[in-house]
Amino acid sequence: MTELLHAWAIAPAAIGACCLAADRGRARWPDAVASALMLAAMLDAVLTRLVAPVYWAAALIATAMVLAAASSPRRRGVPSRPRGGMTVHTALGLVAMAALQLGMAHGAASGPLSGQVSTHAHGGSGGPLLATAAVVGAVAYAVLSAGLLTRSHRALDRVQLACMGVSVLLMAAGALV
């Protein structure tokens, strides 16, 4: 059941990444890189487990910080961008995915190099408190996504917002199972 929820979470994330790539009207390569990183972390968590969740979480948090710093309106010489809401949403999505990676930590013995098939262990090293905090954060992120969705006027932005909110909620449901 957990693997099915993870697979279902990958589908909307991939659709959202495609919508971001299809948005040729506005160059948003930092958001595209962030989306690709989130998708890679999700795919690794479901399929290969080559990279430990803590490393994915660190990479996601570092990317969120770089994205936030690069899009800061306080930077001199850079005019404030009208798409700041989408950039904030992407940065918070990185943080939510990092928390879910840690909250749903896989056991070290379940990797592909262990030579054995094992079940998908949730909360293995993070404990129930971390998993609960990740689920609460995921719900808050979904509420933010819904709020931005109601104010968005572009179809590609709406699809991306909906896809990321659904993807995070599905991963959070996987943390509960």
N, C-alpha and C. Protein backbone atom coordinates (compact mmCIF):
# COMPACT_ATOMS: atom_id res chain seq x y z
N MET A 1 0.82 -1.20 0.00
CA MET A 1 0.00 0.00 0.00
C MET A 1 0.87 1.27 0.00
N THR A 2 1.94 1.23 0.80
CA THR A 2 2.82 2.39 0.88
C THR A 2 3.48 2.68 -0.45
N GLU A 3 3.96 1.63 -1.12
CA GLU A 3 4.61 1.82 -2.42
C GLU A 3 3.62 2.38 -3.44
N LEU A 4 2.38 1.96 -3.34
CA LEU A 4 1.35 2.49 -4.25
C LEU A 4 1.13 3.98 -4.00
N LEU A 5 1.08 4.39 -2.75
CA LEU A 5 0.93 5.82 -2.43
C LEU A 5 2.13 6.61 -2.94
N HIS A 6 3.31 6.05 -2.80
CA HIS A 6 4.50 6.74 -3.31
C HIS A 6 4.46 6.86 -4.83
N ALA A 7 4.03 5.81 -5.50
CA ALA A 7 3.93 5.86 -6.96
C ALA A 7 2.89 6.90 -7.38
N TRP A 8 1.79 6.93 -6.67
CA TRP A 8 0.77 7.94 -6.98
C TRP A 8 1.29 9.34 -6.70
N ALA A 9 2.18 9.51 -5.74
CA ALA A 9 2.74 10.83 -5.44
C ALA A 9 3.70 11.28 -6.53
N ILE A 10 4.36 10.32 -7.18
CA ILE A 10 5.30 10.67 -8.25
C ILE A 10 4.57 11.20 -9.47
N ALA A 11 3.42 10.63 -9.78
CA ALA A 11 2.68 11.03 -10.98
C ALA A 11 2.33 12.53 -10.97
N PRO A 12 1.69 13.07 -9.92
CA PRO A 12 1.41 14.51 -9.96
C PRO A 12 2.67 15.37 -9.92
N ALA A 13 3.71 14.89 -9.24
CA ALA A 13 4.96 15.66 -9.22
C ALA A 13 5.56 15.74 -10.62
N ALA A 14 5.47 14.64 -11.37
CA ALA A 14 5.99 14.64 -12.74
C ALA A 14 5.15 15.55 -13.63
N ILE A 15 3.84 15.53 -13.44
CA ILE A 15 2.96 16.41 -14.22
C ILE A 15 3.28 17.87 -13.92
N GLY A 16 3.48 18.19 -12.64
CA GLY A 16 3.83 19.56 -12.25
C GLY A 16 5.16 19.99 -12.85
N ALA A 17 6.13 19.08 -12.87
CA ALA A 17 7.43 19.40 -13.47
C ALA A 17 7.29 19.63 -14.97
N CYS A 18 6.45 18.86 -15.62
CA CYS A 18 6.21 19.05 -17.06
C CYS A 18 5.54 20.40 -17.32
N CYS A 19 4.60 20.79 -16.47
CA CYS A 19 3.95 22.09 -16.63
C CYS A 19 4.95 23.22 -16.45
N LEU A 20 5.86 23.05 -15.53
CA LEU A 20 6.89 24.05 -15.32
C LEU A 20 7.80 24.15 -16.53
N ALA A 21 8.16 23.00 -17.11
CA ALA A 21 9.00 23.00 -18.31
C ALA A 21 8.26 23.57 -19.51
N ALA A 22 6.94 23.39 -19.55
CA ALA A 22 6.15 23.88 -20.68
C ALA A 22 5.89 25.38 -20.61
N ASP A 23 6.18 25.98 -19.47
CA ASP A 23 5.93 27.41 -19.28
C ASP A 23 7.05 28.21 -19.94
N ARG A 24 6.99 28.30 -21.25
CA ARG A 24 8.04 28.98 -22.01
C ARG A 24 7.92 30.50 -21.92
N GLY A 25 6.80 30.99 -21.49
CA GLY A 25 6.60 32.43 -21.43
C GLY A 25 7.47 33.11 -20.39
N ARG A 26 7.86 32.37 -19.39
CA ARG A 26 8.66 32.95 -18.32
C ARG A 26 9.79 32.01 -17.98
N ALA A 27 11.00 32.52 -18.00
CA ALA A 27 12.16 31.70 -17.67
C ALA A 27 12.22 31.50 -16.16
N ARG A 28 12.07 30.25 -15.73
CA ARG A 28 12.12 29.92 -14.30
C ARG A 28 13.02 28.72 -14.10
N TRP A 29 14.24 28.80 -14.57
CA TRP A 29 15.12 27.64 -14.48
C TRP A 29 15.42 27.24 -13.05
N PRO A 30 15.53 28.16 -12.07
CA PRO A 30 15.76 27.69 -10.69
C PRO A 30 14.60 26.83 -10.18
N ASP A 31 13.37 27.22 -10.53
CA ASP A 31 12.21 26.42 -10.13
C ASP A 31 12.23 25.06 -10.83
N ALA A 32 12.66 25.04 -12.08
CA ALA A 32 12.73 23.78 -12.82
C ALA A 32 13.78 22.84 -12.22
N VAL A 33 14.92 23.39 -11.81
CA VAL A 33 15.95 22.58 -11.17
C VAL A 33 15.42 22.03 -9.84
N ALA A 34 14.74 22.87 -9.08
CA ALA A 34 14.17 22.42 -7.81
C ALA A 34 13.14 21.32 -8.03
N SER A 35 12.31 21.48 -9.02
CA SER A 35 11.30 20.47 -9.33
C SER A 35 11.94 19.15 -9.75
N ALA A 36 12.99 19.23 -10.56
CA ALA A 36 13.69 18.02 -10.98
C ALA A 36 14.36 17.33 -9.80
N LEU A 37 14.91 18.11 -8.87
CA LEU A 37 15.54 17.53 -7.69
C LEU A 37 14.50 16.83 -6.81
N MET A 38 13.35 17.46 -6.61
CA MET A 38 12.29 16.82 -5.83
C MET A 38 11.85 15.51 -6.48
N LEU A 39 11.70 15.53 -7.78
CA LEU A 39 11.28 14.33 -8.50
C LEU A 39 12.35 13.23 -8.39
N ALA A 40 13.62 13.61 -8.49
CA ALA A 40 14.70 12.63 -8.35
C ALA A 40 14.71 12.01 -6.95
N ALA A 41 14.49 12.83 -5.93
CA ALA A 41 14.45 12.32 -4.55
C ALA A 41 13.29 11.35 -4.37
N MET A 42 12.15 11.69 -4.94
CA MET A 42 10.98 10.81 -4.82
C MET A 42 11.21 9.49 -5.56
N LEU A 43 11.76 9.58 -6.76
CA LEU A 43 12.03 8.37 -7.53
C LEU A 43 13.05 7.48 -6.82
N ASP A 44 14.07 8.06 -6.25
CA ASP A 44 15.06 7.28 -5.53
C ASP A 44 14.45 6.62 -4.30
N ALA A 45 13.59 7.34 -3.60
CA ALA A 45 12.97 6.78 -2.40
C ALA A 45 12.07 5.60 -2.73
N VAL A 46 11.46 5.62 -3.90
CA VAL A 46 10.54 4.54 -4.28
C VAL A 46 11.27 3.40 -4.99
N LEU A 47 12.17 3.73 -5.90
CA LEU A 47 12.72 2.70 -6.78
C LEU A 47 14.07 2.13 -6.33
N THR A 48 15.04 2.98 -6.05
CA THR A 48 16.40 2.48 -5.88
C THR A 48 16.94 2.56 -4.46
N ARG A 49 16.61 3.62 -3.77
CA ARG A 49 17.13 3.89 -2.42
C ARG A 49 18.66 3.91 -2.39
N LEU A 50 19.25 4.46 -3.44
CA LEU A 50 20.71 4.56 -3.51
C LEU A 50 21.27 5.63 -2.59
N VAL A 51 20.50 6.69 -2.41
CA VAL A 51 20.95 7.82 -1.59
C VAL A 51 20.15 7.80 -0.29
N ALA A 52 20.84 7.96 0.81
CA ALA A 52 20.18 7.97 2.11
C ALA A 52 19.22 9.17 2.20
N PRO A 53 18.08 8.99 2.86
CA PRO A 53 17.12 10.10 2.97
C PRO A 53 17.69 11.36 3.59
N VAL A 54 18.64 11.23 4.52
CA VAL A 54 19.21 12.42 5.14
C VAL A 54 20.00 13.24 4.12
N TYR A 55 20.63 12.59 3.15
CA TYR A 55 21.35 13.33 2.11
C TYR A 55 20.39 14.01 1.14
N TRP A 56 19.29 13.33 0.82
CA TRP A 56 18.27 13.97 -0.01
C TRP A 56 17.70 15.19 0.72
N ALA A 57 17.43 15.01 2.02
CA ALA A 57 16.88 16.13 2.79
C ALA A 57 17.84 17.31 2.81
N ALA A 58 19.12 17.03 3.00
CA ALA A 58 20.12 18.10 3.01
C ALA A 58 20.18 18.80 1.65
N ALA A 59 20.14 18.03 0.57
CA ALA A 59 20.17 18.63 -0.77
C ALA A 59 18.93 19.47 -1.02
N LEU A 60 17.77 18.98 -0.59
CA LEU A 60 16.52 19.72 -0.78
C LEU A 60 16.51 21.02 0.01
N ILE A 61 16.97 20.97 1.26
CA ILE A 61 17.02 22.18 2.09
C ILE A 61 18.02 23.19 1.52
N ALA A 62 19.18 22.70 1.10
CA ALA A 62 20.18 23.61 0.51
C ALA A 62 19.64 24.26 -0.76
N THR A 63 18.94 23.50 -1.58
CA THR A 63 18.34 24.05 -2.80
C THR A 63 17.27 25.08 -2.46
N ALA A 64 16.48 24.81 -1.42
CA ALA A 64 15.45 25.78 -1.00
C ALA A 64 16.10 27.09 -0.56
N MET A 65 17.21 26.99 0.15
CA MET A 65 17.90 28.21 0.60
C MET A 65 18.48 28.98 -0.57
N VAL A 66 19.07 28.27 -1.54
CA VAL A 66 19.62 28.94 -2.72
C VAL A 66 18.50 29.58 -3.53
N LEU A 67 17.39 28.87 -3.69
CA LEU A 67 16.25 29.40 -4.43
C LEU A 67 15.70 30.66 -3.76
N ALA A 68 15.58 30.62 -2.44
CA ALA A 68 15.08 31.78 -1.70
C ALA A 68 16.03 32.96 -1.82
N ALA A 69 17.33 32.70 -1.72
CA ALA A 69 18.32 33.78 -1.81
C ALA A 69 18.37 34.36 -3.22
N ALA A 70 18.26 33.51 -4.23
CA ALA A 70 18.34 33.97 -5.62
C ALA A 70 17.13 34.79 -6.02
N SER A 71 16.00 34.54 -5.38
CA SER A 71 14.79 35.26 -5.78
C SER A 71 14.40 36.35 -4.79
N SER A 72 15.28 36.68 -3.88
CA SER A 72 14.98 37.69 -2.88
C SER A 72 14.82 39.06 -3.53
N PRO A 73 13.72 39.76 -3.23
CA PRO A 73 13.53 41.11 -3.80
C PRO A 73 14.47 42.13 -3.18
N ARG A 74 15.15 41.78 -2.11
CA ARG A 74 16.07 42.70 -1.45
C ARG A 74 17.43 42.76 -2.13
N ARG A 75 17.67 41.86 -3.05
CA ARG A 75 18.95 41.89 -3.75
C ARG A 75 19.02 43.16 -4.58
N ARG A 76 20.14 43.82 -4.51
CA ARG A 76 20.28 45.07 -5.26
C ARG A 76 20.41 44.79 -6.74
N GLY A 77 19.77 45.63 -7.52
CA GLY A 77 19.85 45.51 -8.96
C GLY A 77 18.89 44.48 -9.56
N VAL A 78 18.16 43.79 -8.72
CA VAL A 78 17.22 42.79 -9.24
C VAL A 78 15.81 43.27 -8.92
N PRO A 79 15.02 43.56 -9.94
CA PRO A 79 13.66 44.00 -9.67
C PRO A 79 12.84 42.86 -9.09
N SER A 80 11.88 43.23 -8.29
CA SER A 80 11.00 42.23 -7.70
C SER A 80 10.19 41.53 -8.78
N ARG A 81 10.13 40.21 -8.68
CA ARG A 81 9.45 39.43 -9.71
C ARG A 81 7.97 39.25 -9.36
N PRO A 82 7.10 39.29 -10.35
CA PRO A 82 5.69 39.12 -10.07
C PRO A 82 5.33 37.69 -9.71
N ARG A 83 6.21 36.73 -9.96
CA ARG A 83 5.92 35.33 -9.71
C ARG A 83 6.51 34.88 -8.38
N GLY A 84 6.68 35.79 -7.44
CA GLY A 84 7.27 35.46 -6.16
C GLY A 84 6.49 34.40 -5.41
N GLY A 85 5.17 34.38 -5.55
CA GLY A 85 4.35 33.37 -4.88
C GLY A 85 4.68 31.97 -5.32
N MET A 86 4.96 31.81 -6.61
CA MET A 86 5.32 30.49 -7.13
C MET A 86 6.70 30.08 -6.64
N THR A 87 7.63 31.03 -6.54
CA THR A 87 8.96 30.71 -6.05
C THR A 87 8.92 30.33 -4.58
N VAL A 88 8.14 31.05 -3.80
CA VAL A 88 7.97 30.70 -2.38
C VAL A 88 7.34 29.32 -2.26
N HIS A 89 6.35 29.03 -3.09
CA HIS A 89 5.69 27.74 -3.08
C HIS A 89 6.68 26.63 -3.40
N THR A 90 7.55 26.85 -4.37
CA THR A 90 8.55 25.85 -4.74
C THR A 90 9.55 25.64 -3.60
N ALA A 91 10.01 26.74 -2.99
CA ALA A 91 10.97 26.61 -1.88
C ALA A 91 10.35 25.88 -0.70
N LEU A 92 9.10 26.19 -0.38
CA LEU A 92 8.43 25.48 0.70
C LEU A 92 8.17 24.02 0.33
N GLY A 93 7.95 23.75 -0.94
CA GLY A 93 7.80 22.37 -1.40
C GLY A 93 9.07 21.58 -1.18
N LEU A 94 10.21 22.21 -1.40
CA LEU A 94 11.49 21.56 -1.13
C LEU A 94 11.63 21.22 0.35
N VAL A 95 11.23 22.14 1.21
CA VAL A 95 11.30 21.90 2.65
C VAL A 95 10.33 20.79 3.05
N ALA A 96 9.12 20.80 2.48
CA ALA A 96 8.14 19.75 2.80
C ALA A 96 8.66 18.38 2.35
N MET A 97 9.24 18.31 1.17
CA MET A 97 9.78 17.03 0.69
C MET A 97 10.96 16.57 1.55
N ALA A 98 11.78 17.51 2.01
CA ALA A 98 12.89 17.15 2.89
C ALA A 98 12.36 16.56 4.19
N ALA A 99 11.34 17.20 4.75
CA ALA A 99 10.76 16.68 6.00
C ALA A 99 10.13 15.30 5.78
N LEU A 100 9.47 15.12 4.66
CA LEU A 100 8.87 13.82 4.37
C LEU A 100 9.94 12.76 4.12
N GLN A 101 11.06 13.14 3.51
CA GLN A 101 12.16 12.19 3.32
C GLN A 101 12.67 11.70 4.68
N LEU A 102 12.80 12.62 5.62
CA LEU A 102 13.28 12.23 6.94
C LEU A 102 12.21 11.51 7.76
N GLY A 103 10.98 11.97 7.63
CA GLY A 103 9.88 11.35 8.38
C GLY A 103 9.56 9.95 7.91
N MET A 104 9.91 9.66 6.68
CA MET A 104 9.64 8.34 6.13
C MET A 104 10.97 7.64 5.83
N ALA A 105 11.95 7.79 6.73
CA ALA A 105 13.29 7.27 6.50
C ALA A 105 13.27 5.77 6.27
N HIS A 106 14.03 5.36 5.28
CA HIS A 106 14.15 3.95 4.95
C HIS A 106 15.25 3.35 5.80
N GLY A 107 15.08 2.12 6.19
CA GLY A 107 16.12 1.42 6.93
C GLY A 107 17.35 1.22 6.05
N ALA A 108 18.52 1.20 6.65
CA ALA A 108 19.75 1.04 5.88
C ALA A 108 19.82 -0.31 5.21
N ALA A 109 19.19 -1.33 5.79
CA ALA A 109 19.25 -2.67 5.22
C ALA A 109 18.32 -2.85 4.04
N SER A 110 17.50 -1.86 3.75
CA SER A 110 16.54 -2.03 2.66
C SER A 110 17.06 -1.52 1.33
N GLY A 111 18.31 -1.10 1.27
CA GLY A 111 18.88 -0.59 0.02
C GLY A 111 19.13 -1.70 -0.97
N PRO A 112 19.41 -1.35 -2.22
CA PRO A 112 19.59 -2.35 -3.26
C PRO A 112 20.86 -3.17 -3.09
N LEU A 113 21.84 -2.66 -2.35
CA LEU A 113 23.09 -3.38 -2.19
C LEU A 113 23.04 -4.41 -1.07
N SER A 114 21.95 -4.46 -0.33
CA SER A 114 21.87 -5.39 0.78
C SER A 114 21.60 -6.81 0.32
N GLY A 115 21.11 -6.99 -0.88
CA GLY A 115 20.86 -8.31 -1.42
C GLY A 115 19.61 -8.96 -0.87
N GLN A 116 18.81 -8.24 -0.15
CA GLN A 116 17.59 -8.82 0.38
C GLN A 116 16.43 -7.89 0.13
N VAL A 117 15.27 -8.46 0.03
CA VAL A 117 14.07 -7.67 -0.16
C VAL A 117 13.45 -7.48 1.21
N SER A 118 13.19 -6.24 1.55
CA SER A 118 12.57 -5.97 2.85
C SER A 118 11.43 -5.00 2.67
N THR A 119 10.65 -4.86 3.71
CA THR A 119 9.51 -3.96 3.63
C THR A 119 9.97 -2.53 3.74
N HIS A 120 9.12 -1.63 3.39
CA HIS A 120 9.38 -0.20 3.39
C HIS A 120 9.14 0.31 4.80
N ALA A 121 10.18 0.68 5.51
CA ALA A 121 10.05 1.07 6.91
C ALA A 121 9.85 2.57 7.02
N HIS A 122 8.75 2.98 7.60
CA HIS A 122 8.49 4.40 7.83
C HIS A 122 8.84 4.75 9.26
N GLY A 123 9.37 5.93 9.42
CA GLY A 123 9.71 6.39 10.75
C GLY A 123 10.86 5.61 11.37
N GLY A 124 11.64 4.92 10.55
CA GLY A 124 12.69 4.06 11.05
C GLY A 124 13.67 4.77 11.95
N SER A 125 14.18 5.90 11.54
CA SER A 125 15.15 6.60 12.38
C SER A 125 14.61 7.94 12.85
N GLY A 126 13.51 8.38 12.31
CA GLY A 126 12.99 9.68 12.67
C GLY A 126 12.04 9.67 13.83
N GLY A 127 11.46 8.54 14.10
CA GLY A 127 10.52 8.45 15.21
C GLY A 127 9.17 9.00 14.84
N PRO A 128 8.18 8.68 15.67
CA PRO A 128 6.81 9.12 15.37
C PRO A 128 6.62 10.63 15.45
N LEU A 129 7.41 11.30 16.27
CA LEU A 129 7.27 12.75 16.38
C LEU A 129 7.65 13.44 15.08
N LEU A 130 8.74 13.01 14.47
CA LEU A 130 9.16 13.59 13.19
C LEU A 130 8.15 13.28 12.09
N ALA A 131 7.64 12.06 12.07
CA ALA A 131 6.64 11.70 11.06
C ALA A 131 5.37 12.54 11.24
N THR A 132 4.96 12.75 12.47
CA THR A 132 3.77 13.57 12.74
C THR A 132 4.00 15.02 12.32
N ALA A 133 5.18 15.55 12.63
CA ALA A 133 5.49 16.92 12.22
C ALA A 133 5.52 17.04 10.70
N ALA A 134 6.04 16.01 10.02
CA ALA A 134 6.07 16.04 8.56
C ALA A 134 4.67 16.02 7.98
N VAL A 135 3.78 15.25 8.58
CA VAL A 135 2.39 15.18 8.10
C VAL A 135 1.68 16.51 8.33
N VAL A 136 1.87 17.11 9.50
CA VAL A 136 1.26 18.42 9.78
C VAL A 136 1.79 19.47 8.81
N GLY A 137 3.09 19.43 8.55
CA GLY A 137 3.67 20.36 7.57
C GLY A 137 3.14 20.14 6.17
N ALA A 138 2.92 18.88 5.81
CA ALA A 138 2.37 18.56 4.49
C ALA A 138 0.96 19.09 4.34
N VAL A 139 0.17 18.96 5.39
CA VAL A 139 -1.20 19.49 5.34
C VAL A 139 -1.17 21.01 5.23
N ALA A 140 -0.28 21.66 5.97
CA ALA A 140 -0.16 23.12 5.88
C ALA A 140 0.28 23.54 4.48
N TYR A 141 1.18 22.78 3.88
CA TYR A 141 1.63 23.08 2.52
C TYR A 141 0.49 22.91 1.52
N ALA A 142 -0.33 21.89 1.71
CA ALA A 142 -1.48 21.68 0.82
C ALA A 142 -2.49 22.82 0.96
N VAL A 143 -2.67 23.32 2.16
CA VAL A 143 -3.57 24.47 2.37
C VAL A 143 -3.01 25.70 1.67
N LEU A 144 -1.70 25.93 1.78
CA LEU A 144 -1.05 27.04 1.07
C LEU A 144 -1.24 26.87 -0.43
N SER A 145 -1.06 25.66 -0.93
CA SER A 145 -1.23 25.38 -2.36
C SER A 145 -2.65 25.73 -2.80
N ALA A 146 -3.63 25.33 -2.00
CA ALA A 146 -5.03 25.62 -2.34
C ALA A 146 -5.29 27.12 -2.34
N GLY A 147 -4.70 27.83 -1.37
CA GLY A 147 -4.87 29.28 -1.33
C GLY A 147 -4.26 29.97 -2.54
N LEU A 148 -3.06 29.55 -2.92
CA LEU A 148 -2.42 30.13 -4.11
C LEU A 148 -3.18 29.74 -5.37
N LEU A 149 -3.72 28.54 -5.38
CA LEU A 149 -4.47 28.06 -6.53
C LEU A 149 -5.70 28.94 -6.80
N THR A 150 -6.37 29.37 -5.76
CA THR A 150 -7.56 30.20 -5.94
C THR A 150 -7.22 31.59 -6.46
N ARG A 151 -5.97 32.04 -6.21
CA ARG A 151 -5.57 33.37 -6.67
C ARG A 151 -4.81 33.36 -7.99
N SER A 152 -4.47 32.19 -8.47
CA SER A 152 -3.68 32.09 -9.70
C SER A 152 -4.58 32.25 -10.92
N HIS A 153 -4.06 32.95 -11.94
CA HIS A 153 -4.83 33.19 -13.15
C HIS A 153 -4.34 32.37 -14.34
N ARG A 154 -3.15 31.81 -14.24
CA ARG A 154 -2.59 31.05 -15.36
C ARG A 154 -2.86 29.56 -15.16
N ALA A 155 -3.26 28.90 -16.23
CA ALA A 155 -3.60 27.48 -16.17
C ALA A 155 -2.40 26.63 -15.77
N LEU A 156 -1.21 26.91 -16.31
CA LEU A 156 -0.03 26.12 -15.96
C LEU A 156 0.34 26.27 -14.49
N ASP A 157 0.17 27.47 -13.96
CA ASP A 157 0.44 27.67 -12.54
C ASP A 157 -0.56 26.89 -11.69
N ARG A 158 -1.81 26.91 -12.08
CA ARG A 158 -2.84 26.17 -11.33
C ARG A 158 -2.55 24.68 -11.31
N VAL A 159 -2.18 24.14 -12.45
CA VAL A 159 -1.88 22.71 -12.52
C VAL A 159 -0.67 22.39 -11.66
N GLN A 160 0.35 23.22 -11.74
CA GLN A 160 1.55 22.98 -10.94
C GLN A 160 1.24 23.06 -9.45
N LEU A 161 0.47 24.04 -9.02
CA LEU A 161 0.10 24.17 -7.61
C LEU A 161 -0.70 22.97 -7.13
N ALA A 162 -1.67 22.57 -7.92
CA ALA A 162 -2.50 21.42 -7.55
C ALA A 162 -1.67 20.14 -7.49
N CYS A 163 -0.82 19.95 -8.47
CA CYS A 163 0.01 18.73 -8.51
C CYS A 163 0.95 18.65 -7.32
N MET A 164 1.60 19.75 -6.96
CA MET A 164 2.52 19.71 -5.83
C MET A 164 1.76 19.48 -4.52
N GLY A 165 0.62 20.12 -4.36
CA GLY A 165 -0.18 19.90 -3.15
C GLY A 165 -0.64 18.46 -3.00
N VAL A 166 -1.11 17.89 -4.10
CA VAL A 166 -1.56 16.49 -4.08
C VAL A 166 -0.39 15.55 -3.83
N SER A 167 0.73 15.81 -4.47
CA SER A 167 1.90 14.95 -4.31
C SER A 167 2.38 14.93 -2.86
N VAL A 168 2.46 16.08 -2.25
CA VAL A 168 2.89 16.15 -0.86
C VAL A 168 1.89 15.46 0.06
N LEU A 169 0.60 15.63 -0.20
CA LEU A 169 -0.40 14.94 0.61
C LEU A 169 -0.33 13.43 0.47
N LEU A 170 -0.09 12.95 -0.73
CA LEU A 170 0.04 11.50 -0.93
C LEU A 170 1.27 10.95 -0.23
N MET A 171 2.37 11.70 -0.25
CA MET A 171 3.55 11.24 0.48
C MET A 171 3.29 11.26 1.98
N ALA A 172 2.55 12.25 2.45
CA ALA A 172 2.23 12.30 3.87
C ALA A 172 1.32 11.13 4.26
N ALA A 173 0.40 10.78 3.36
CA ALA A 173 -0.45 9.60 3.63
C ALA A 173 0.41 8.34 3.72
N GLY A 174 1.46 8.28 2.92
CA GLY A 174 2.39 7.16 3.00
C GLY A 174 3.12 7.12 4.34
N ALA A 175 3.34 8.28 4.93
CA ALA A 175 4.00 8.31 6.24
C ALA A 175 3.09 7.79 7.35
N LEU A 176 1.79 7.90 7.14
CA LEU A 176 0.83 7.43 8.13
C LEU A 176 0.61 5.92 8.06
N VAL A 177 0.87 5.35 6.88
CA VAL A 177 0.61 3.91 6.69
C VAL A 177 1.71 3.10 7.31
